[in-house]
Amino acid sequence: MVKKRFLELLKGSFLTSGDAVKNWRFILFASVLAVIMISSAHQADRKVHELAKLNDEVLELRSEFVDVRTQVQRIKLESNVMDKVVNRGLIPSVIPPQKIRVASKR
């Protein structure tokens, strides 16, 4: 019995018998599902690669941001500013700054 069914399966008689329309429908349905699964798997892989690429770009931009911020902090140091303006004749004040208070009329 099992041997007979196996031979029928190998010969493909289930595709040519009287109720083969049901079998063809199922095979078509299973094929469509397989194509959909393969397509969605490829799309998921594409998304994973895109996410990895974007994460690398974010890390690179973050590193560049930290570098630029460090450079700006060095440029803003008082000693660097004094070195740059001393050529123009500007020197630091000896007199400390004073607060100016304005009395408001209420």
PDB file of N, CA and C in Angstrom:
ATOM      1  N   MET A   1       0.819  -1.193   0.000  1.00  0.00           N
ATOM      2  CA  MET A   1       0.000   0.000   0.000  1.00  0.00           C
ATOM      3  C   MET A   1       0.868   1.264   0.000  1.00  0.00           C
ATOM      4  N   VAL A   2       1.832   1.314   0.881  1.00  0.00           N
ATOM      5  CA  VAL A   2       2.712   2.467   0.960  1.00  0.00           C
ATOM      6  C   VAL A   2       3.580   2.526  -0.287  1.00  0.00           C
ATOM      7  N   LYS A   3       4.012   1.369  -0.744  1.00  0.00           N
ATOM      8  CA  LYS A   3       4.853   1.310  -1.938  1.00  0.00           C
ATOM      9  C   LYS A   3       4.082   1.809  -3.156  1.00  0.00           C
ATOM     10  N   LYS A   4       2.797   1.446  -3.238  1.00  0.00           N
ATOM     11  CA  LYS A   4       1.963   1.854  -4.363  1.00  0.00           C
ATOM     12  C   LYS A   4       1.767   3.374  -4.366  1.00  0.00           C
ATOM     13  N   ARG A   5       1.510   3.956  -3.202  1.00  0.00           N
ATOM     14  CA  ARG A   5       1.317   5.417  -3.101  1.00  0.00           C
ATOM     15  C   ARG A   5       2.601   6.169  -3.433  1.00  0.00           C
ATOM     16  N   PHE A   6       3.726   5.635  -2.996  1.00  0.00           N
ATOM     17  CA  PHE A   6       5.006   6.258  -3.289  1.00  0.00           C
ATOM     18  C   PHE A   6       5.283   6.259  -4.787  1.00  0.00           C
ATOM     19  N   LEU A   7       4.977   5.142  -5.442  1.00  0.00           N
ATOM     20  CA  LEU A   7       5.166   5.054  -6.887  1.00  0.00           C
ATOM     21  C   LEU A   7       4.229   6.017  -7.619  1.00  0.00           C
ATOM     22  N   GLU A   8       2.976   6.147  -7.142  1.00  0.00           N
ATOM     23  CA  GLU A   8       2.039   7.095  -7.743  1.00  0.00           C
ATOM     24  C   GLU A   8       2.555   8.536  -7.593  1.00  0.00           C
ATOM     25  N   LEU A   9       3.133   8.811  -6.445  1.00  0.00           N
ATOM     26  CA  LEU A   9       3.689  10.141  -6.206  1.00  0.00           C
ATOM     27  C   LEU A   9       4.852  10.417  -7.159  1.00  0.00           C
ATOM     28  N   LEU A  10       5.736   9.449  -7.331  1.00  0.00           N
ATOM     29  CA  LEU A  10       6.878   9.625  -8.226  1.00  0.00           C
ATOM     30  C   LEU A  10       6.438   9.742  -9.690  1.00  0.00           C
ATOM     31  N   LYS A  11       5.431   8.997 -10.085  1.00  0.00           N
ATOM     32  CA  LYS A  11       4.944   9.057 -11.463  1.00  0.00           C
ATOM     33  C   LYS A  11       4.167  10.339 -11.736  1.00  0.00           C
ATOM     34  N   GLY A  12       3.641  10.965 -10.692  1.00  0.00           N
ATOM     35  CA  GLY A  12       2.858  12.185 -10.866  1.00  0.00           C
ATOM     36  C   GLY A  12       1.435  11.907 -11.273  1.00  0.00           C
ATOM     37  N   SER A  13       0.919  10.739 -10.978  1.00  0.00           N
ATOM     38  CA  SER A  13      -0.452  10.418 -11.376  1.00  0.00           C
ATOM     39  C   SER A  13      -1.487  11.252 -10.613  1.00  0.00           C
ATOM     40  N   PHE A  14      -1.099  11.815  -9.483  1.00  0.00           N
ATOM     41  CA  PHE A  14      -2.041  12.662  -8.744  1.00  0.00           C
ATOM     42  C   PHE A  14      -2.313  13.974  -9.481  1.00  0.00           C
ATOM     43  N   LEU A  15      -1.454  14.291 -10.456  1.00  0.00           N
ATOM     44  CA  LEU A  15      -1.660  15.507 -11.242  1.00  0.00           C
ATOM     45  C   LEU A  15      -2.513  15.273 -12.485  1.00  0.00           C
ATOM     46  N   THR A  16      -2.691  14.008 -12.874  1.00  0.00           N
ATOM     47  CA  THR A  16      -3.447  13.711 -14.093  1.00  0.00           C
ATOM     48  C   THR A  16      -4.718  12.922 -13.824  1.00  0.00           C
ATOM     49  N   SER A  17      -4.988  12.589 -12.602  1.00  0.00           N
ATOM     50  CA  SER A  17      -6.191  11.801 -12.290  1.00  0.00           C
ATOM     51  C   SER A  17      -7.440  12.674 -12.390  1.00  0.00           C
ATOM     52  N   GLY A  18      -8.588  12.117 -12.110  1.00  0.00           N
ATOM     53  CA  GLY A  18      -9.867  12.811 -12.271  1.00  0.00           C
ATOM     54  C   GLY A  18     -10.024  14.008 -11.347  1.00  0.00           C
ATOM     55  N   ASP A  19      -9.538  13.927 -10.119  1.00  0.00           N
ATOM     56  CA  ASP A  19      -9.677  15.053  -9.185  1.00  0.00           C
ATOM     57  C   ASP A  19      -8.379  15.872  -9.109  1.00  0.00           C
ATOM     58  N   ALA A  20      -7.668  15.939 -10.223  1.00  0.00           N
ATOM     59  CA  ALA A  20      -6.387  16.645 -10.267  1.00  0.00           C
ATOM     60  C   ALA A  20      -6.552  18.154 -10.135  1.00  0.00           C
ATOM     61  N   VAL A  21      -7.747  18.690 -10.421  1.00  0.00           N
ATOM     62  CA  VAL A  21      -7.959  20.142 -10.331  1.00  0.00           C
ATOM     63  C   VAL A  21      -7.723  20.624  -8.907  1.00  0.00           C
ATOM     64  N   LYS A  22      -8.187  19.842  -7.922  1.00  0.00           N
ATOM     65  CA  LYS A  22      -7.960  20.217  -6.517  1.00  0.00           C
ATOM     66  C   LYS A  22      -6.467  20.224  -6.210  1.00  0.00           C
ATOM     67  N   ASN A  23      -5.758  19.236  -6.715  1.00  0.00           N
ATOM     68  CA  ASN A  23      -4.317  19.162  -6.467  1.00  0.00           C
ATOM     69  C   ASN A  23      -3.583  20.332  -7.121  1.00  0.00           C
ATOM     70  N   TRP A  24      -3.976  20.687  -8.349  1.00  0.00           N
ATOM     71  CA  TRP A  24      -3.340  21.800  -9.030  1.00  0.00           C
ATOM     72  C   TRP A  24      -3.597  23.111  -8.296  1.00  0.00           C
ATOM     73  N   ARG A  25      -4.796  23.279  -7.794  1.00  0.00           N
ATOM     74  CA  ARG A  25      -5.118  24.486  -7.030  1.00  0.00           C
ATOM     75  C   ARG A  25      -4.222  24.589  -5.791  1.00  0.00           C
ATOM     76  N   PHE A  26      -4.092  23.467  -5.092  1.00  0.00           N
ATOM     77  CA  PHE A  26      -3.260  23.479  -3.886  1.00  0.00           C
ATOM     78  C   PHE A  26      -1.800  23.771  -4.234  1.00  0.00           C
ATOM     79  N   ILE A  27      -1.305  23.156  -5.320  1.00  0.00           N
ATOM     80  CA  ILE A  27       0.085  23.373  -5.727  1.00  0.00           C
ATOM     81  C   ILE A  27       0.284  24.839  -6.108  1.00  0.00           C
ATOM     82  N   LEU A  28      -0.660  25.420  -6.833  1.00  0.00           N
ATOM     83  CA  LEU A  28      -0.583  26.823  -7.199  1.00  0.00           C
ATOM     84  C   LEU A  28      -0.604  27.709  -5.953  1.00  0.00           C
ATOM     85  N   PHE A  29      -1.497  27.403  -5.021  1.00  0.00           N
ATOM     86  CA  PHE A  29      -1.592  28.153  -3.768  1.00  0.00           C
ATOM     87  C   PHE A  29      -0.279  28.068  -2.985  1.00  0.00           C
ATOM     88  N   ALA A  30       0.268  26.865  -2.868  1.00  0.00           N
ATOM     89  CA  ALA A  30       1.531  26.686  -2.135  1.00  0.00           C
ATOM     90  C   ALA A  30       2.672  27.420  -2.834  1.00  0.00           C
ATOM     91  N   SER A  31       2.666  27.424  -4.154  1.00  0.00           N
ATOM     92  CA  SER A  31       3.714  28.132  -4.905  1.00  0.00           C
ATOM     93  C   SER A  31       3.626  29.635  -4.683  1.00  0.00           C
ATOM     94  N   VAL A  32       2.419  30.178  -4.702  1.00  0.00           N
ATOM     95  CA  VAL A  32       2.237  31.615  -4.462  1.00  0.00           C
ATOM     96  C   VAL A  32       2.703  31.978  -3.054  1.00  0.00           C
ATOM     97  N   LEU A  33       2.347  31.148  -2.075  1.00  0.00           N
ATOM     98  CA  LEU A  33       2.801  31.404  -0.708  1.00  0.00           C
ATOM     99  C   LEU A  33       4.322  31.359  -0.608  1.00  0.00           C
ATOM    100  N   ALA A  34       4.945  30.412  -1.302  1.00  0.00           N
ATOM    101  CA  ALA A  34       6.407  30.310  -1.275  1.00  0.00           C
ATOM    102  C   ALA A  34       7.048  31.550  -1.880  1.00  0.00           C
ATOM    103  N   VAL A  35       6.494  32.048  -2.984  1.00  0.00           N
ATOM    104  CA  VAL A  35       7.029  33.263  -3.613  1.00  0.00           C
ATOM    105  C   VAL A  35       6.884  34.457  -2.667  1.00  0.00           C
ATOM    106  N   ILE A  36       5.747  34.561  -2.006  1.00  0.00           N
ATOM    107  CA  ILE A  36       5.526  35.665  -1.063  1.00  0.00           C
ATOM    108  C   ILE A  36       6.512  35.585   0.095  1.00  0.00           C
ATOM    109  N   MET A  37       6.731  34.380   0.623  1.00  0.00           N
ATOM    110  CA  MET A  37       7.679  34.214   1.728  1.00  0.00           C
ATOM    111  C   MET A  37       9.100  34.583   1.311  1.00  0.00           C
ATOM    112  N   ILE A  38       9.505  34.163   0.138  1.00  0.00           N
ATOM    113  CA  ILE A  38      10.854  34.478  -0.346  1.00  0.00           C
ATOM    114  C   ILE A  38      11.005  35.976  -0.539  1.00  0.00           C
ATOM    115  N   SER A  39       9.979  36.599  -1.116  1.00  0.00           N
ATOM    116  CA  SER A  39      10.021  38.042  -1.340  1.00  0.00           C
ATOM    117  C   SER A  39      10.128  38.804  -0.016  1.00  0.00           C
ATOM    118  N   SER A  40       9.335  38.420   0.966  1.00  0.00           N
ATOM    119  CA  SER A  40       9.376  39.137   2.252  1.00  0.00           C
ATOM    120  C   SER A  40      10.702  38.895   2.971  1.00  0.00           C
ATOM    121  N   ALA A  41      11.289  37.706   2.798  1.00  0.00           N
ATOM    122  CA  ALA A  41      12.591  37.438   3.403  1.00  0.00           C
ATOM    123  C   ALA A  41      13.663  38.328   2.776  1.00  0.00           C
ATOM    124  N   HIS A  42      13.600  38.503   1.459  1.00  0.00           N
ATOM    125  CA  HIS A  42      14.567  39.378   0.786  1.00  0.00           C
ATOM    126  C   HIS A  42      14.390  40.831   1.227  1.00  0.00           C
ATOM    127  N   GLN A  43      13.154  41.256   1.369  1.00  0.00           N
ATOM    128  CA  GLN A  43      12.915  42.625   1.831  1.00  0.00           C
ATOM    129  C   GLN A  43      13.435  42.820   3.245  1.00  0.00           C
ATOM    130  N   ALA A  44      13.239  41.833   4.102  1.00  0.00           N
ATOM    131  CA  ALA A  44      13.747  41.926   5.478  1.00  0.00           C
ATOM    132  C   ALA A  44      15.271  41.996   5.484  1.00  0.00           C
ATOM    133  N   ASP A  45      15.922  41.197   4.648  1.00  0.00           N
ATOM    134  CA  ASP A  45      17.383  41.245   4.552  1.00  0.00           C
ATOM    135  C   ASP A  45      17.849  42.617   4.077  1.00  0.00           C
ATOM    136  N   ARG A  46      17.149  43.172   3.100  1.00  0.00           N
ATOM    137  CA  ARG A  46      17.491  44.495   2.599  1.00  0.00           C
ATOM    138  C   ARG A  46      17.385  45.542   3.707  1.00  0.00           C
ATOM    139  N   LYS A  47      16.333  45.446   4.502  1.00  0.00           N
ATOM    140  CA  LYS A  47      16.140  46.390   5.605  1.00  0.00           C
ATOM    141  C   LYS A  47      17.254  46.248   6.638  1.00  0.00           C
ATOM    142  N   VAL A  48      17.650  45.013   6.936  1.00  0.00           N
ATOM    143  CA  VAL A  48      18.712  44.789   7.917  1.00  0.00           C
ATOM    144  C   VAL A  48      20.018  45.412   7.425  1.00  0.00           C
ATOM    145  N   HIS A  49      20.334  45.230   6.150  1.00  0.00           N
ATOM    146  CA  HIS A  49      21.553  45.819   5.598  1.00  0.00           C
ATOM    147  C   HIS A  49      21.483  47.347   5.614  1.00  0.00           C
ATOM    148  N   GLU A  50      20.318  47.877   5.303  1.00  0.00           N
ATOM    149  CA  GLU A  50      20.153  49.329   5.308  1.00  0.00           C
ATOM    150  C   GLU A  50      20.309  49.885   6.729  1.00  0.00           C
ATOM    151  N   LEU A  51      19.739  49.185   7.721  1.00  0.00           N
ATOM    152  CA  LEU A  51      19.877  49.614   9.107  1.00  0.00           C
ATOM    153  C   LEU A  51      21.335  49.581   9.559  1.00  0.00           C
ATOM    154  N   ALA A  52      22.054  48.535   9.174  1.00  0.00           N
ATOM    155  CA  ALA A  52      23.469  48.437   9.543  1.00  0.00           C
ATOM    156  C   ALA A  52      24.257  49.585   8.924  1.00  0.00           C
ATOM    157  N   LYS A  53      23.956  49.908   7.676  1.00  0.00           N
ATOM    158  CA  LYS A  53      24.647  51.009   6.996  1.00  0.00           C
ATOM    159  C   LYS A  53      24.334  52.341   7.673  1.00  0.00           C
ATOM    160  N   LEU A  54      23.068  52.545   8.036  1.00  0.00           N
ATOM    161  CA  LEU A  54      22.680  53.790   8.701  1.00  0.00           C
ATOM    162  C   LEU A  54      23.309  53.890  10.094  1.00  0.00           C
ATOM    163  N   ASN A  55      23.398  52.773  10.811  1.00  0.00           N
ATOM    164  CA  ASN A  55      24.042  52.790  12.128  1.00  0.00           C
ATOM    165  C   ASN A  55      25.513  53.159  12.011  1.00  0.00           C
ATOM    166  N   ASP A  56      26.185  52.631  10.996  1.00  0.00           N
ATOM    167  CA  ASP A  56      27.584  52.999  10.771  1.00  0.00           C
ATOM    168  C   ASP A  56      27.706  54.490  10.470  1.00  0.00           C
ATOM    169  N   GLU A  57      26.783  55.008   9.659  1.00  0.00           N
ATOM    170  CA  GLU A  57      26.808  56.424   9.324  1.00  0.00           C
ATOM    171  C   GLU A  57      26.565  57.280  10.560  1.00  0.00           C
ATOM    172  N   VAL A  58      25.644  56.850  11.424  1.00  0.00           N
ATOM    173  CA  VAL A  58      25.365  57.596  12.662  1.00  0.00           C
ATOM    174  C   VAL A  58      26.606  57.625  13.553  1.00  0.00           C
ATOM    175  N   LEU A  59      27.276  56.489  13.677  1.00  0.00           N
ATOM    176  CA  LEU A  59      28.487  56.448  14.500  1.00  0.00           C
ATOM    177  C   LEU A  59      29.568  57.367  13.934  1.00  0.00           C
ATOM    178  N   GLU A  60      29.708  57.366  12.626  1.00  0.00           N
ATOM    179  CA  GLU A  60      30.702  58.229  11.982  1.00  0.00           C
ATOM    180  C   GLU A  60      30.364  59.704  12.204  1.00  0.00           C
ATOM    181  N   LEU A  61      29.089  60.063  12.029  1.00  0.00           N
ATOM    182  CA  LEU A  61      28.681  61.454  12.238  1.00  0.00           C
ATOM    183  C   LEU A  61      28.826  61.875  13.700  1.00  0.00           C
ATOM    184  N   ARG A  62      28.526  60.972  14.618  1.00  0.00           N
ATOM    185  CA  ARG A  62      28.680  61.285  16.040  1.00  0.00           C
ATOM    186  C   ARG A  62      30.153  61.536  16.366  1.00  0.00           C
ATOM    187  N   SER A  63      31.027  60.713  15.796  1.00  0.00           N
ATOM    188  CA  SER A  63      32.459  60.892  16.008  1.00  0.00           C
ATOM    189  C   SER A  63      32.928  62.227  15.440  1.00  0.00           C
ATOM    190  N   GLU A  64      32.449  62.551  14.244  1.00  0.00           N
ATOM    191  CA  GLU A  64      32.804  63.833  13.629  1.00  0.00           C
ATOM    192  C   GLU A  64      32.297  64.997  14.471  1.00  0.00           C
ATOM    193  N   PHE A  65      31.094  64.878  15.035  1.00  0.00           N
ATOM    194  CA  PHE A  65      30.530  65.919  15.889  1.00  0.00           C
ATOM    195  C   PHE A  65      31.403  66.140  17.113  1.00  0.00           C
ATOM    196  N   VAL A  66      31.839  65.054  17.741  1.00  0.00           N
ATOM    197  CA  VAL A  66      32.676  65.173  18.936  1.00  0.00           C
ATOM    198  C   VAL A  66      34.003  65.837  18.584  1.00  0.00           C
ATOM    199  N   ASP A  67      34.580  65.470  17.448  1.00  0.00           N
ATOM    200  CA  ASP A  67      35.840  66.087  17.020  1.00  0.00           C
ATOM    201  C   ASP A  67      35.682  67.586  16.788  1.00  0.00           C
ATOM    202  N   VAL A  68      34.634  67.973  16.091  1.00  0.00           N
ATOM    203  CA  VAL A  68      34.407  69.391  15.798  1.00  0.00           C
ATOM    204  C   VAL A  68      34.124  70.157  17.084  1.00  0.00           C
ATOM    205  N   ARG A  69      33.349  69.567  17.972  1.00  0.00           N
ATOM    206  CA  ARG A  69      33.050  70.242  19.239  1.00  0.00           C
ATOM    207  C   ARG A  69      34.322  70.458  20.047  1.00  0.00           C
ATOM    208  N   THR A  70      35.218  69.482  20.044  1.00  0.00           N
ATOM    209  CA  THR A  70      36.488  69.615  20.751  1.00  0.00           C
ATOM    210  C   THR A  70      37.326  70.730  20.138  1.00  0.00           C
ATOM    211  N   GLN A  71      37.359  70.792  18.807  1.00  0.00           N
ATOM    212  CA  GLN A  71      38.112  71.863  18.145  1.00  0.00           C
ATOM    213  C   GLN A  71      37.542  73.240  18.487  1.00  0.00           C
ATOM    214  N   VAL A  72      36.227  73.355  18.503  1.00  0.00           N
ATOM    215  CA  VAL A  72      35.588  74.641  18.822  1.00  0.00           C
ATOM    216  C   VAL A  72      35.902  75.040  20.257  1.00  0.00           C
ATOM    217  N   GLN A  73      35.880  74.087  21.175  1.00  0.00           N
ATOM    218  CA  GLN A  73      36.201  74.406  22.569  1.00  0.00           C
ATOM    219  C   GLN A  73      37.645  74.884  22.697  1.00  0.00           C
ATOM    220  N   ARG A  74      38.551  74.288  21.945  1.00  0.00           N
ATOM    221  CA  ARG A  74      39.954  74.736  21.982  1.00  0.00           C
ATOM    222  C   ARG A  74      40.081  76.147  21.415  1.00  0.00           C
ATOM    223  N   ILE A  75      39.357  76.413  20.337  1.00  0.00           N
ATOM    224  CA  ILE A  75      39.426  77.739  19.710  1.00  0.00           C
ATOM    225  C   ILE A  75      38.864  78.806  20.650  1.00  0.00           C
ATOM    226  N   LYS A  76      37.855  78.471  21.425  1.00  0.00           N
ATOM    227  CA  LYS A  76      37.202  79.434  22.303  1.00  0.00           C
ATOM    228  C   LYS A  76      37.982  79.704  23.591  1.00  0.00           C
ATOM    229  N   LEU A  77      39.063  78.966  23.839  1.00  0.00           N
ATOM    230  CA  LEU A  77      39.838  79.197  25.055  1.00  0.00           C
ATOM    231  C   LEU A  77      40.370  80.625  25.072  1.00  0.00           C
ATOM    232  N   GLU A  78      40.436  81.202  26.264  1.00  0.00           N
ATOM    233  CA  GLU A  78      40.858  82.597  26.397  1.00  0.00           C
ATOM    234  C   GLU A  78      42.281  82.795  25.867  1.00  0.00           C
ATOM    235  N   SER A  79      43.155  81.836  26.101  1.00  0.00           N
ATOM    236  CA  SER A  79      44.542  81.983  25.634  1.00  0.00           C
ATOM    237  C   SER A  79      44.603  82.020  24.110  1.00  0.00           C
ATOM    238  N   ASN A  80      43.810  81.201  23.442  1.00  0.00           N
ATOM    239  CA  ASN A  80      43.793  81.222  21.969  1.00  0.00           C
ATOM    240  C   ASN A  80      43.211  82.522  21.433  1.00  0.00           C
ATOM    241  N   VAL A  81      42.176  83.012  22.074  1.00  0.00           N
ATOM    242  CA  VAL A  81      41.558  84.263  21.637  1.00  0.00           C
ATOM    243  C   VAL A  81      42.549  85.409  21.824  1.00  0.00           C
ATOM    244  N   MET A  82      43.271  85.433  22.967  1.00  0.00           N
ATOM    245  CA  MET A  82      44.247  86.498  23.215  1.00  0.00           C
ATOM    246  C   MET A  82      45.371  86.454  22.180  1.00  0.00           C
ATOM    247  N   ASP A  83      45.828  85.264  21.830  1.00  0.00           N
ATOM    248  CA  ASP A  83      46.884  85.156  20.820  1.00  0.00           C
ATOM    249  C   ASP A  83      46.436  85.735  19.486  1.00  0.00           C
ATOM    250  N   LYS A  84      45.183  85.565  19.143  1.00  0.00           N
ATOM    251  CA  LYS A  84      44.691  86.030  17.848  1.00  0.00           C
ATOM    252  C   LYS A  84      44.419  87.531  17.818  1.00  0.00           C
ATOM    253  N   VAL A  85      44.022  88.127  18.940  1.00  0.00           N
ATOM    254  CA  VAL A  85      43.685  89.551  18.937  1.00  0.00           C
ATOM    255  C   VAL A  85      44.856  90.432  19.362  1.00  0.00           C
ATOM    256  N   VAL A  86      45.930  89.868  19.847  1.00  0.00           N
ATOM    257  CA  VAL A  86      47.076  90.662  20.270  1.00  0.00           C
ATOM    258  C   VAL A  86      47.697  91.369  19.068  1.00  0.00           C
ATOM    259  N   ASN A  87      47.609  90.777  17.882  1.00  0.00           N
ATOM    260  CA  ASN A  87      48.135  91.421  16.668  1.00  0.00           C
ATOM    261  C   ASN A  87      47.360  92.682  16.321  1.00  0.00           C
ATOM    262  N   ARG A  88      46.144  92.778  16.750  1.00  0.00           N
ATOM    263  CA  ARG A  88      45.300  93.947  16.459  1.00  0.00           C
ATOM    264  C   ARG A  88      45.433  95.036  17.533  1.00  0.00           C
ATOM    265  N   GLY A  89      46.252  94.776  18.504  1.00  0.00           N
ATOM    266  CA  GLY A  89      46.483  95.782  19.543  1.00  0.00           C
ATOM    267  C   GLY A  89      45.546  95.667  20.720  1.00  0.00           C
ATOM    268  N   LEU A  90      44.797  94.621  20.811  1.00  0.00           N
ATOM    269  CA  LEU A  90      43.889  94.436  21.946  1.00  0.00           C
ATOM    270  C   LEU A  90      44.618  93.691  23.050  1.00  0.00           C
ATOM    271  N   ILE A  91      44.423  94.164  24.271  1.00  0.00           N
ATOM    272  CA  ILE A  91      45.035  93.490  25.431  1.00  0.00           C
ATOM    273  C   ILE A  91      43.953  93.293  26.477  1.00  0.00           C
ATOM    274  N   PRO A  92      44.163  92.334  27.382  1.00  0.00           N
ATOM    275  CA  PRO A  92      43.159  92.126  28.432  1.00  0.00           C
ATOM    276  C   PRO A  92      43.112  93.322  29.395  1.00  0.00           C
ATOM    277  N   SER A  93      41.948  93.585  29.900  1.00  0.00           N
ATOM    278  CA  SER A  93      41.752  94.709  30.818  1.00  0.00           C
ATOM    279  C   SER A  93      42.360  94.382  32.180  1.00  0.00           C
ATOM    280  N   VAL A  94      42.920  95.404  32.794  1.00  0.00           N
ATOM    281  CA  VAL A  94      43.488  95.245  34.138  1.00  0.00           C
ATOM    282  C   VAL A  94      42.415  95.529  35.179  1.00  0.00           C
ATOM    283  N   ILE A  95      41.450  96.353  34.791  1.00  0.00           N
ATOM    284  CA  ILE A  95      40.383  96.736  35.712  1.00  0.00           C
ATOM    285  C   ILE A  95      39.262  95.707  35.578  1.00  0.00           C
ATOM    286  N   PRO A  96      38.816  95.126  36.700  1.00  0.00           N
ATOM    287  CA  PRO A  96      37.742  94.143  36.615  1.00  0.00           C
ATOM    288  C   PRO A  96      36.421  94.796  36.194  1.00  0.00           C
ATOM    289  N   PRO A  97      35.552  94.071  35.583  1.00  0.00           N
ATOM    290  CA  PRO A  97      34.267  94.646  35.155  1.00  0.00           C
ATOM    291  C   PRO A  97      33.373  94.964  36.344  1.00  0.00           C
ATOM    292  N   GLN A  98      32.498  95.949  36.163  1.00  0.00           N
ATOM    293  CA  GLN A  98      31.555  96.328  37.214  1.00  0.00           C
ATOM    294  C   GLN A  98      30.138  96.168  36.691  1.00  0.00           C
ATOM    295  N   LYS A  99      29.247  95.817  37.592  1.00  0.00           N
ATOM    296  CA  LYS A  99      27.841  95.681  37.218  1.00  0.00           C
ATOM    297  C   LYS A  99      27.188  97.052  37.173  1.00  0.00           C
ATOM    298  N   ILE A 100      26.378  97.236  36.191  1.00  0.00           N
ATOM    299  CA  ILE A 100      25.606  98.482  36.092  1.00  0.00           C
ATOM    300  C   ILE A 100      24.180  98.140  36.480  1.00  0.00           C
ATOM    301  N   ARG A 101      23.694  98.835  37.483  1.00  0.00           N
ATOM    302  CA  ARG A 101      22.330  98.575  37.946  1.00  0.00           C
ATOM    303  C   ARG A 101      21.457  99.765  37.556  1.00  0.00           C
ATOM    304  N   VAL A 102      20.317  99.451  36.999  1.00  0.00           N
ATOM    305  CA  VAL A 102      19.382 100.488  36.600  1.00  0.00           C
ATOM    306  C   VAL A 102      18.187 100.408  37.558  1.00  0.00           C
ATOM    307  N   ALA A 103      17.904 101.509  38.180  1.00  0.00           N
ATOM    308  CA  ALA A 103      16.779 101.552  39.114  1.00  0.00           C
ATOM    309  C   ALA A 103      15.500 101.714  38.311  1.00  0.00           C
ATOM    310  N   SER A 104      14.566 100.843  38.526  1.00  0.00           N
ATOM    311  CA  SER A 104      13.315 100.921  37.773  1.00  0.00           C
ATOM    312  C   SER A 104      12.281 101.684  38.578  1.00  0.00           C
ATOM    313  N   LYS A 105      11.446 102.449  37.899  1.00  0.00           N
ATOM    314  CA  LYS A 105      10.391 103.217  38.558  1.00  0.00           C
ATOM    315  C   LYS A 105       9.093 102.440  38.471  1.00  0.00           C
ATOM    316  N   ARG A 106       8.647 101.998  39.620  1.00  0.00           N
ATOM    317  CA  ARG A 106       7.366 101.255  39.662  1.00  0.00           C
ATOM    318  C   ARG A 106       6.436 101.849  40.635  1.00  0.00           C
TER     319      ARG A 106
END
